[in-house]
């Protein structure tokens, strides 16, 4: 895969936009878990994955997650960075892989739904492992929060960002590429 100057600049812009979005827009969506905040940072990453493919989507995910971990979300430390790469990486990888093979409007919808479900699913074992092992939460507490908090949060965040991408991708595709 070639990374020409134009593509690298676009990737940098999408990474920066992701960081700016998380800095400007983040708010809790579940009263029971105010520390879990919605942010639209995955939108530019998904756009990059749709335009350039899954490898570029993963590269943008890692770059944006690293910058976020060092600035906006520094309190999460390396664990927050890894969890963000896993969640967003799964969303972007699954969505862009499917969309790569079915570039229709229906294909985009299916891709984003599959990516959202995959992200939600991967965050179950991710939370069970990282939240217990590195953030010191008791396993029983994390297990008890899966259905009322962790699963709904990830579904809402992923589906919300996916809906926005679904609505803006076609009009923005040519400008990004």
N, C-alpha and C. Protein backbone atom coordinates (compact mmCIF):
# COMPACT_ATOMS: atom_id res chain seq x y z
N UNK A 1 0.84 -1.17 0.00
CA UNK A 1 0.00 0.00 0.00
C UNK A 1 0.89 1.24 0.00
N UNK A 2 0.62 2.15 -0.93
CA UNK A 2 1.40 3.37 -1.04
C UNK A 2 0.77 4.48 -0.20
N UNK A 3 1.63 5.21 0.49
CA UNK A 3 1.20 6.37 1.24
C UNK A 3 1.87 7.59 0.63
N UNK A 4 1.22 8.17 -0.40
CA UNK A 4 1.74 9.37 -1.03
C UNK A 4 1.56 10.57 -0.12
N UNK A 5 2.14 11.68 -0.53
CA UNK A 5 2.08 12.90 0.29
C UNK A 5 0.65 13.35 0.53
N UNK A 6 -0.18 13.31 -0.51
CA UNK A 6 -1.57 13.76 -0.36
C UNK A 6 -2.33 12.87 0.62
N UNK A 7 -2.14 11.57 0.48
CA UNK A 7 -2.84 10.64 1.38
C UNK A 7 -2.35 10.82 2.82
N UNK A 8 -1.04 10.98 3.00
CA UNK A 8 -0.49 11.18 4.35
C UNK A 8 -1.01 12.47 4.98
N UNK A 9 -1.11 13.52 4.17
CA UNK A 9 -1.66 14.79 4.69
C UNK A 9 -3.13 14.63 5.07
N UNK A 10 -3.88 13.94 4.26
CA UNK A 10 -5.30 13.70 4.57
C UNK A 10 -5.42 12.87 5.84
N UNK A 11 -4.58 11.86 5.99
CA UNK A 11 -4.59 11.05 7.20
C UNK A 11 -4.27 11.91 8.43
N UNK A 12 -3.32 12.80 8.29
CA UNK A 12 -2.96 13.69 9.41
C UNK A 12 -4.11 14.63 9.75
N UNK A 13 -4.77 15.14 8.73
CA UNK A 13 -5.91 16.04 8.96
C UNK A 13 -7.04 15.29 9.65
N UNK A 14 -7.33 14.08 9.21
CA UNK A 14 -8.40 13.29 9.83
C UNK A 14 -8.04 12.94 11.28
N UNK A 15 -6.78 12.63 11.53
CA UNK A 15 -6.34 12.36 12.91
C UNK A 15 -6.51 13.60 13.78
N UNK A 16 -6.08 14.74 13.26
CA UNK A 16 -6.20 15.99 14.01
C UNK A 16 -7.67 16.35 14.25
N UNK A 17 -8.49 16.15 13.25
CA UNK A 17 -9.92 16.43 13.40
C UNK A 17 -10.53 15.54 14.49
N UNK A 18 -10.10 14.30 14.55
CA UNK A 18 -10.58 13.39 15.58
C UNK A 18 -10.24 13.93 16.98
N UNK A 19 -9.01 14.41 17.15
CA UNK A 19 -8.58 14.96 18.44
C UNK A 19 -9.36 16.23 18.76
N UNK A 20 -9.55 17.09 17.80
CA UNK A 20 -10.31 18.32 18.03
C UNK A 20 -11.75 18.00 18.43
N UNK A 21 -12.35 17.02 17.76
CA UNK A 21 -13.73 16.66 18.09
C UNK A 21 -13.87 16.13 19.50
N UNK A 22 -12.93 15.30 19.95
CA UNK A 22 -13.03 14.78 21.32
C UNK A 22 -12.78 15.90 22.34
N UNK A 23 -11.95 16.86 21.96
CA UNK A 23 -11.68 17.99 22.84
C UNK A 23 -12.91 18.88 22.97
N UNK A 24 -13.60 19.13 21.86
CA UNK A 24 -14.73 20.05 21.85
C UNK A 24 -16.05 19.42 22.28
N UNK A 25 -16.26 18.16 21.92
CA UNK A 25 -17.56 17.53 22.14
C UNK A 25 -17.38 16.22 22.90
N UNK A 26 -17.78 16.21 24.12
CA UNK A 26 -17.81 14.98 24.91
C UNK A 26 -18.75 15.20 26.09
N UNK A 27 -19.65 14.26 26.25
CA UNK A 27 -20.62 14.38 27.33
C UNK A 27 -21.13 12.99 27.72
N UNK A 28 -21.50 12.83 28.98
CA UNK A 28 -22.02 11.53 29.41
C UNK A 28 -23.38 11.26 28.78
N UNK A 29 -23.63 9.99 28.47
CA UNK A 29 -24.93 9.64 27.88
C UNK A 29 -25.74 8.71 28.77
N UNK A 30 -25.07 8.12 29.75
CA UNK A 30 -25.78 7.25 30.69
C UNK A 30 -25.60 7.82 32.10
N UNK A 31 -26.68 8.21 32.74
CA UNK A 31 -26.57 8.78 34.10
C UNK A 31 -25.87 7.84 35.09
N UNK A 32 -26.02 6.53 34.91
CA UNK A 32 -25.41 5.57 35.82
C UNK A 32 -23.89 5.51 35.67
N UNK A 33 -23.37 6.04 34.56
CA UNK A 33 -21.92 5.99 34.31
C UNK A 33 -21.45 7.31 33.70
N UNK A 34 -21.39 8.37 34.48
CA UNK A 34 -21.01 9.67 33.91
C UNK A 34 -19.57 9.73 33.41
N UNK A 35 -18.73 8.79 33.79
CA UNK A 35 -17.34 8.75 33.32
C UNK A 35 -17.24 8.22 31.88
N UNK A 36 -18.29 7.56 31.41
CA UNK A 36 -18.32 7.09 30.02
C UNK A 36 -18.98 8.18 29.18
N UNK A 37 -18.20 8.80 28.33
CA UNK A 37 -18.70 9.94 27.58
C UNK A 37 -18.76 9.65 26.09
N UNK A 38 -19.83 10.15 25.48
CA UNK A 38 -19.92 10.11 24.02
C UNK A 38 -18.97 11.16 23.46
N UNK A 39 -18.30 10.82 22.37
CA UNK A 39 -17.53 11.80 21.61
C UNK A 39 -17.58 11.39 20.14
N UNK A 40 -17.52 12.36 19.25
CA UNK A 40 -17.58 12.06 17.81
C UNK A 40 -16.22 11.80 17.17
N UNK A 41 -15.22 11.47 17.97
CA UNK A 41 -13.86 11.31 17.46
C UNK A 41 -13.72 10.18 16.44
N UNK A 42 -14.63 9.20 16.47
CA UNK A 42 -14.53 8.10 15.51
C UNK A 42 -15.02 8.47 14.11
N UNK A 43 -15.72 9.57 13.98
CA UNK A 43 -16.28 9.95 12.68
C UNK A 43 -15.19 10.18 11.62
N UNK A 44 -14.19 11.04 11.87
CA UNK A 44 -13.16 11.21 10.84
C UNK A 44 -12.36 9.94 10.58
N UNK A 45 -12.22 9.10 11.61
CA UNK A 45 -11.48 7.85 11.44
C UNK A 45 -12.26 6.91 10.53
N UNK A 46 -13.56 6.81 10.76
CA UNK A 46 -14.41 5.99 9.89
C UNK A 46 -14.39 6.52 8.45
N UNK A 47 -14.44 7.83 8.30
CA UNK A 47 -14.38 8.41 6.96
C UNK A 47 -13.08 8.02 6.26
N UNK A 48 -11.97 8.08 6.97
CA UNK A 48 -10.68 7.68 6.39
C UNK A 48 -10.67 6.21 6.01
N UNK A 49 -11.26 5.37 6.85
CA UNK A 49 -11.34 3.94 6.55
C UNK A 49 -12.21 3.66 5.34
N UNK A 50 -13.30 4.40 5.21
CA UNK A 50 -14.18 4.22 4.06
C UNK A 50 -13.52 4.69 2.76
N UNK A 51 -12.83 5.81 2.81
CA UNK A 51 -12.21 6.36 1.61
C UNK A 51 -10.98 5.56 1.19
N UNK A 52 -10.10 5.26 2.14
CA UNK A 52 -8.80 4.67 1.81
C UNK A 52 -8.65 3.19 2.18
N UNK A 53 -9.59 2.65 2.92
CA UNK A 53 -9.52 1.24 3.28
C UNK A 53 -9.14 0.99 4.72
N UNK A 54 -9.20 -0.28 5.11
CA UNK A 54 -9.00 -0.64 6.52
C UNK A 54 -7.61 -0.35 7.08
N UNK A 55 -6.55 -0.50 6.28
CA UNK A 55 -5.20 -0.25 6.79
C UNK A 55 -5.06 1.22 7.19
N UNK A 56 -5.51 2.10 6.33
CA UNK A 56 -5.45 3.54 6.64
C UNK A 56 -6.33 3.85 7.84
N UNK A 57 -7.49 3.23 7.93
CA UNK A 57 -8.36 3.44 9.09
C UNK A 57 -7.68 3.06 10.39
N UNK A 58 -6.95 1.96 10.39
CA UNK A 58 -6.23 1.52 11.59
C UNK A 58 -5.08 2.47 11.91
N UNK A 59 -4.36 2.92 10.89
CA UNK A 59 -3.26 3.87 11.12
C UNK A 59 -3.80 5.16 11.73
N UNK A 60 -4.89 5.69 11.18
CA UNK A 60 -5.50 6.90 11.73
C UNK A 60 -5.97 6.65 13.17
N UNK A 61 -6.53 5.48 13.42
CA UNK A 61 -6.97 5.12 14.77
C UNK A 61 -5.82 5.20 15.76
N UNK A 62 -4.69 4.60 15.40
CA UNK A 62 -3.55 4.56 16.31
C UNK A 62 -2.98 5.96 16.54
N UNK A 63 -2.83 6.72 15.47
CA UNK A 63 -2.28 8.08 15.59
C UNK A 63 -3.21 8.95 16.44
N UNK A 64 -4.50 8.96 16.11
CA UNK A 64 -5.45 9.79 16.85
C UNK A 64 -5.55 9.35 18.31
N UNK A 65 -5.56 8.04 18.55
CA UNK A 65 -5.64 7.53 19.92
C UNK A 65 -4.42 7.91 20.73
N UNK A 66 -3.25 7.88 20.11
CA UNK A 66 -2.02 8.25 20.81
C UNK A 66 -2.04 9.74 21.18
N UNK A 67 -2.41 10.58 20.24
CA UNK A 67 -2.48 12.01 20.52
C UNK A 67 -3.53 12.28 21.61
N UNK A 68 -4.68 11.62 21.52
CA UNK A 68 -5.72 11.79 22.54
C UNK A 68 -5.21 11.34 23.90
N UNK A 69 -4.51 10.22 23.93
CA UNK A 69 -4.01 9.68 25.20
C UNK A 69 -2.98 10.61 25.84
N UNK A 70 -2.24 11.33 25.03
CA UNK A 70 -1.21 12.24 25.56
C UNK A 70 -1.75 13.63 25.88
N UNK A 71 -2.96 13.93 25.42
CA UNK A 71 -3.50 15.29 25.62
C UNK A 71 -4.87 15.25 26.30
N UNK A 72 -5.89 15.11 25.50
CA UNK A 72 -7.27 15.24 25.95
C UNK A 72 -7.66 14.18 26.98
N UNK A 73 -7.25 12.95 26.76
CA UNK A 73 -7.65 11.83 27.63
C UNK A 73 -6.47 11.28 28.42
N UNK A 74 -5.59 12.15 28.86
CA UNK A 74 -4.37 11.72 29.53
C UNK A 74 -4.66 10.94 30.82
N UNK A 75 -5.78 11.19 31.45
CA UNK A 75 -6.09 10.49 32.71
C UNK A 75 -6.28 8.99 32.51
N UNK A 76 -6.60 8.56 31.29
CA UNK A 76 -6.77 7.14 31.01
C UNK A 76 -5.46 6.39 30.88
N UNK A 77 -4.36 7.12 30.68
CA UNK A 77 -3.05 6.50 30.56
C UNK A 77 -2.96 5.52 29.40
N UNK A 78 -2.00 4.62 29.51
CA UNK A 78 -1.78 3.67 28.43
C UNK A 78 -2.95 2.70 28.30
N UNK A 79 -3.65 2.43 29.40
CA UNK A 79 -4.79 1.52 29.35
C UNK A 79 -5.91 2.15 28.51
N UNK A 80 -6.15 3.42 28.72
CA UNK A 80 -7.16 4.12 27.91
C UNK A 80 -6.80 4.12 26.44
N UNK A 81 -5.50 4.32 26.17
CA UNK A 81 -5.02 4.28 24.78
C UNK A 81 -5.30 2.92 24.15
N UNK A 82 -4.92 1.85 24.83
CA UNK A 82 -5.11 0.50 24.30
C UNK A 82 -6.60 0.20 24.12
N UNK A 83 -7.42 0.57 25.10
CA UNK A 83 -8.86 0.31 24.99
C UNK A 83 -9.47 1.10 23.83
N UNK A 84 -8.99 2.32 23.62
CA UNK A 84 -9.50 3.12 22.51
C UNK A 84 -9.10 2.53 21.17
N UNK A 85 -7.86 2.08 21.07
CA UNK A 85 -7.41 1.44 19.83
C UNK A 85 -8.22 0.18 19.55
N UNK A 86 -8.51 -0.60 20.59
CA UNK A 86 -9.29 -1.82 20.41
C UNK A 86 -10.71 -1.48 19.98
N UNK A 87 -11.36 -0.54 20.66
CA UNK A 87 -12.76 -0.23 20.34
C UNK A 87 -12.90 0.43 18.97
N UNK A 88 -12.19 1.53 18.77
CA UNK A 88 -12.28 2.23 17.49
C UNK A 88 -11.69 1.39 16.36
N UNK A 89 -10.59 0.72 16.64
CA UNK A 89 -9.98 -0.14 15.63
C UNK A 89 -10.92 -1.22 15.14
N UNK A 90 -11.67 -1.81 16.05
CA UNK A 90 -12.64 -2.84 15.66
C UNK A 90 -13.75 -2.24 14.82
N UNK A 91 -14.29 -1.11 15.26
CA UNK A 91 -15.35 -0.42 14.51
C UNK A 91 -14.88 -0.10 13.09
N UNK A 92 -13.72 0.49 12.98
CA UNK A 92 -13.19 0.93 11.69
C UNK A 92 -12.79 -0.27 10.81
N UNK A 93 -12.14 -1.24 11.41
CA UNK A 93 -11.69 -2.40 10.64
C UNK A 93 -12.87 -3.18 10.06
N UNK A 94 -13.83 -3.52 10.88
CA UNK A 94 -14.98 -4.29 10.40
C UNK A 94 -15.78 -3.48 9.37
N UNK A 95 -16.05 -2.22 9.69
CA UNK A 95 -16.84 -1.39 8.78
C UNK A 95 -16.15 -1.19 7.43
N UNK A 96 -14.88 -0.83 7.47
CA UNK A 96 -14.18 -0.54 6.21
C UNK A 96 -13.88 -1.80 5.41
N UNK A 97 -13.67 -2.93 6.08
CA UNK A 97 -13.48 -4.18 5.35
C UNK A 97 -14.74 -4.56 4.57
N UNK A 98 -15.89 -4.45 5.24
CA UNK A 98 -17.14 -4.80 4.55
C UNK A 98 -17.42 -3.80 3.43
N UNK A 99 -17.23 -2.51 3.73
CA UNK A 99 -17.53 -1.48 2.74
C UNK A 99 -16.60 -1.58 1.52
N UNK A 100 -15.39 -2.06 1.74
CA UNK A 100 -14.44 -2.23 0.63
C UNK A 100 -14.99 -3.18 -0.43
N UNK A 101 -15.81 -4.15 0.00
CA UNK A 101 -16.36 -5.15 -0.91
C UNK A 101 -17.78 -4.84 -1.39
N UNK A 102 -18.44 -3.89 -0.76
CA UNK A 102 -19.78 -3.51 -1.17
C UNK A 102 -19.93 -2.00 -0.99
N UNK A 103 -19.53 -1.26 -2.01
CA UNK A 103 -19.49 0.20 -1.93
C UNK A 103 -20.82 0.86 -2.29
N UNK A 104 -21.90 0.21 -1.98
CA UNK A 104 -23.22 0.79 -2.20
C UNK A 104 -23.71 1.46 -0.92
N UNK A 105 -24.81 2.18 -1.03
CA UNK A 105 -25.41 2.80 0.15
C UNK A 105 -25.85 1.72 1.15
N UNK A 106 -26.43 0.65 0.63
CA UNK A 106 -26.84 -0.46 1.48
C UNK A 106 -25.59 -1.11 2.11
N UNK A 107 -24.54 -1.24 1.32
CA UNK A 107 -23.30 -1.80 1.83
C UNK A 107 -22.72 -0.96 2.97
N UNK A 108 -22.80 0.37 2.83
CA UNK A 108 -22.32 1.27 3.89
C UNK A 108 -23.14 1.08 5.16
N UNK A 109 -24.45 0.96 5.01
CA UNK A 109 -25.32 0.76 6.16
C UNK A 109 -24.99 -0.56 6.87
N UNK A 110 -24.87 -1.63 6.10
CA UNK A 110 -24.54 -2.94 6.68
C UNK A 110 -23.15 -2.89 7.33
N UNK A 111 -22.20 -2.25 6.66
CA UNK A 111 -20.83 -2.15 7.17
C UNK A 111 -20.81 -1.45 8.53
N UNK A 112 -21.52 -0.35 8.62
CA UNK A 112 -21.54 0.42 9.87
C UNK A 112 -22.27 -0.32 10.98
N UNK A 113 -23.33 -1.04 10.63
CA UNK A 113 -24.04 -1.84 11.64
C UNK A 113 -23.14 -2.98 12.14
N UNK A 114 -22.49 -3.67 11.22
CA UNK A 114 -21.58 -4.76 11.61
C UNK A 114 -20.42 -4.22 12.47
N UNK A 115 -19.88 -3.09 12.08
CA UNK A 115 -18.80 -2.48 12.86
C UNK A 115 -19.25 -2.09 14.25
N UNK A 116 -20.44 -1.54 14.36
CA UNK A 116 -20.98 -1.14 15.67
C UNK A 116 -21.19 -2.36 16.56
N UNK A 117 -21.74 -3.42 15.99
CA UNK A 117 -21.95 -4.65 16.77
C UNK A 117 -20.62 -5.27 17.17
N UNK A 118 -19.65 -5.27 16.27
CA UNK A 118 -18.33 -5.83 16.58
C UNK A 118 -17.65 -5.02 17.68
N UNK A 119 -17.74 -3.70 17.61
CA UNK A 119 -17.14 -2.86 18.65
C UNK A 119 -17.78 -3.15 20.00
N UNK A 120 -19.10 -3.23 20.02
CA UNK A 120 -19.80 -3.52 21.26
C UNK A 120 -19.39 -4.88 21.81
N UNK A 121 -19.29 -5.87 20.95
CA UNK A 121 -18.92 -7.22 21.38
C UNK A 121 -17.48 -7.27 21.91
N UNK A 122 -16.55 -6.62 21.24
CA UNK A 122 -15.14 -6.70 21.66
C UNK A 122 -14.91 -5.96 22.97
N UNK A 123 -15.75 -4.97 23.25
CA UNK A 123 -15.56 -4.22 24.48
C UNK A 123 -16.02 -4.98 25.72
N UNK A 124 -16.73 -6.07 25.56
CA UNK A 124 -17.10 -6.89 26.72
C UNK A 124 -15.85 -7.55 27.31
N UNK A 125 -15.12 -8.38 26.55
CA UNK A 125 -13.90 -8.96 27.14
C UNK A 125 -12.83 -7.91 27.44
N UNK A 126 -12.78 -6.85 26.64
CA UNK A 126 -11.79 -5.79 26.88
C UNK A 126 -12.01 -5.16 28.24
N UNK A 127 -13.26 -4.84 28.56
CA UNK A 127 -13.57 -4.27 29.87
C UNK A 127 -13.33 -5.27 30.99
N UNK A 128 -13.72 -6.51 30.75
CA UNK A 128 -13.51 -7.53 31.77
C UNK A 128 -12.02 -7.71 32.09
N UNK A 129 -11.18 -7.57 31.10
CA UNK A 129 -9.74 -7.73 31.32
C UNK A 129 -9.11 -6.45 31.86
N UNK A 130 -9.17 -5.36 31.09
CA UNK A 130 -8.43 -4.15 31.44
C UNK A 130 -8.99 -3.43 32.66
N UNK A 131 -10.30 -3.33 32.75
CA UNK A 131 -10.89 -2.60 33.87
C UNK A 131 -10.61 -3.31 35.19
N UNK A 132 -10.62 -4.63 35.17
CA UNK A 132 -10.34 -5.41 36.38
C UNK A 132 -8.84 -5.40 36.69
N UNK A 133 -8.06 -5.73 35.69
CA UNK A 133 -6.62 -5.94 35.92
C UNK A 133 -5.84 -4.64 36.14
N UNK A 134 -6.18 -3.59 35.42
CA UNK A 134 -5.35 -2.38 35.48
C UNK A 134 -6.03 -1.18 36.14
N UNK A 135 -7.35 -1.17 36.21
CA UNK A 135 -8.03 -0.07 36.89
C UNK A 135 -8.61 -0.50 38.24
N UNK A 136 -8.35 -1.74 38.62
CA UNK A 136 -8.68 -2.21 39.95
C UNK A 136 -10.14 -2.40 40.30
N UNK A 137 -10.99 -2.46 39.32
CA UNK A 137 -12.41 -2.71 39.60
C UNK A 137 -12.62 -4.20 39.85
N UNK A 138 -13.43 -4.53 40.84
CA UNK A 138 -13.71 -5.95 41.08
C UNK A 138 -14.42 -6.58 39.88
N UNK A 139 -14.06 -7.81 39.58
CA UNK A 139 -14.65 -8.52 38.45
C UNK A 139 -16.17 -8.55 38.53
N UNK A 140 -16.71 -8.78 39.71
CA UNK A 140 -18.17 -8.85 39.88
C UNK A 140 -18.84 -7.52 39.55
N UNK A 141 -18.19 -6.43 39.87
CA UNK A 141 -18.74 -5.10 39.56
C UNK A 141 -18.77 -4.88 38.05
N UNK A 142 -17.68 -5.26 37.38
CA UNK A 142 -17.62 -5.10 35.92
C UNK A 142 -18.66 -6.01 35.25
N UNK A 143 -18.75 -7.24 35.70
CA UNK A 143 -19.76 -8.16 35.15
C UNK A 143 -21.16 -7.60 35.33
N UNK A 144 -21.43 -7.05 36.50
CA UNK A 144 -22.76 -6.51 36.79
C UNK A 144 -23.07 -5.27 35.95
N UNK A 145 -22.04 -4.59 35.47
CA UNK A 145 -22.27 -3.37 34.68
C UNK A 145 -22.32 -3.63 33.17
N UNK A 146 -22.08 -4.86 32.74
CA UNK A 146 -22.08 -5.15 31.30
C UNK A 146 -23.41 -4.82 30.64
N UNK A 147 -24.50 -5.38 31.13
CA UNK A 147 -25.81 -5.20 30.47
C UNK A 147 -26.39 -3.80 30.69
N UNK A 148 -26.34 -3.26 31.90
CA UNK A 148 -26.97 -1.94 32.06
C UNK A 148 -26.11 -0.76 31.62
N UNK A 149 -24.78 -0.94 31.51
CA UNK A 149 -23.92 0.21 31.23
C UNK A 149 -23.01 0.01 30.02
N UNK A 150 -22.14 -0.98 30.07
CA UNK A 150 -21.07 -1.12 29.06
C UNK A 150 -21.63 -1.42 27.67
N UNK A 151 -22.54 -2.37 27.57
CA UNK A 151 -23.11 -2.70 26.25
C UNK A 151 -23.93 -1.55 25.68
N UNK A 152 -24.86 -0.96 26.46
CA UNK A 152 -25.61 0.17 25.90
C UNK A 152 -24.73 1.36 25.51
N UNK A 153 -23.74 1.66 26.35
CA UNK A 153 -22.85 2.78 26.03
C UNK A 153 -22.15 2.58 24.69
N UNK A 154 -21.55 1.40 24.51
CA UNK A 154 -20.83 1.14 23.27
C UNK A 154 -21.75 1.10 22.05
N UNK A 155 -22.94 0.56 22.23
CA UNK A 155 -23.92 0.56 21.12
C UNK A 155 -24.33 1.98 20.75
N UNK A 156 -24.65 2.78 21.75
CA UNK A 156 -25.09 4.16 21.48
C UNK A 156 -23.97 4.95 20.82
N UNK A 157 -22.76 4.85 21.35
CA UNK A 157 -21.63 5.60 20.79
C UNK A 157 -21.34 5.16 19.36
N UNK A 158 -21.23 3.86 19.15
CA UNK A 158 -20.89 3.35 17.81
C UNK A 158 -22.00 3.65 16.81
N UNK A 159 -23.25 3.40 17.18
CA UNK A 159 -24.36 3.64 16.26
C UNK A 159 -24.54 5.13 15.98
N UNK A 160 -24.33 5.97 17.00
CA UNK A 160 -24.43 7.42 16.80
C UNK A 160 -23.40 7.92 15.81
N UNK A 161 -22.15 7.52 16.01
CA UNK A 161 -21.09 7.93 15.08
C UNK A 161 -21.30 7.33 13.70
N UNK A 162 -21.78 6.10 13.66
CA UNK A 162 -22.04 5.45 12.37
C UNK A 162 -23.16 6.14 11.60
N UNK A 163 -24.19 6.56 12.30
CA UNK A 163 -25.29 7.28 11.65
C UNK A 163 -24.79 8.57 11.01
N UNK A 164 -23.96 9.29 11.74
CA UNK A 164 -23.41 10.55 11.20
C UNK A 164 -22.56 10.26 9.97
N UNK A 165 -21.72 9.24 10.04
CA UNK A 165 -20.88 8.87 8.88
C UNK A 165 -21.76 8.47 7.71
N UNK A 166 -22.80 7.70 7.97
CA UNK A 166 -23.70 7.28 6.90
C UNK A 166 -24.31 8.49 6.20
N UNK A 167 -24.64 9.52 6.97
CA UNK A 167 -25.29 10.71 6.39
C UNK A 167 -24.30 11.64 5.67
N UNK A 168 -23.05 11.69 6.12
CA UNK A 168 -22.13 12.67 5.53
C UNK A 168 -21.08 12.09 4.59
N UNK A 169 -20.94 10.77 4.55
CA UNK A 169 -19.85 10.18 3.76
C UNK A 169 -19.92 10.52 2.28
N UNK A 170 -21.04 10.24 1.65
CA UNK A 170 -21.14 10.45 0.19
C UNK A 170 -20.86 11.91 -0.20
N UNK A 171 -21.46 12.89 0.49
CA UNK A 171 -21.16 14.28 0.11
C UNK A 171 -19.70 14.68 0.35
N UNK A 172 -19.04 14.07 1.34
CA UNK A 172 -17.67 14.46 1.67
C UNK A 172 -16.59 13.60 0.99
N UNK A 173 -16.97 12.46 0.45
CA UNK A 173 -16.01 11.50 -0.09
C UNK A 173 -15.04 12.15 -1.08
N UNK A 174 -15.53 12.89 -2.03
CA UNK A 174 -14.66 13.49 -3.05
C UNK A 174 -13.72 14.54 -2.47
N UNK A 175 -14.18 15.26 -1.43
CA UNK A 175 -13.31 16.25 -0.81
C UNK A 175 -12.17 15.59 -0.03
N UNK A 176 -12.48 14.44 0.58
CA UNK A 176 -11.47 13.73 1.35
C UNK A 176 -10.44 13.09 0.44
N UNK A 177 -10.93 12.47 -0.63
CA UNK A 177 -10.05 11.77 -1.56
C UNK A 177 -9.31 12.77 -2.44
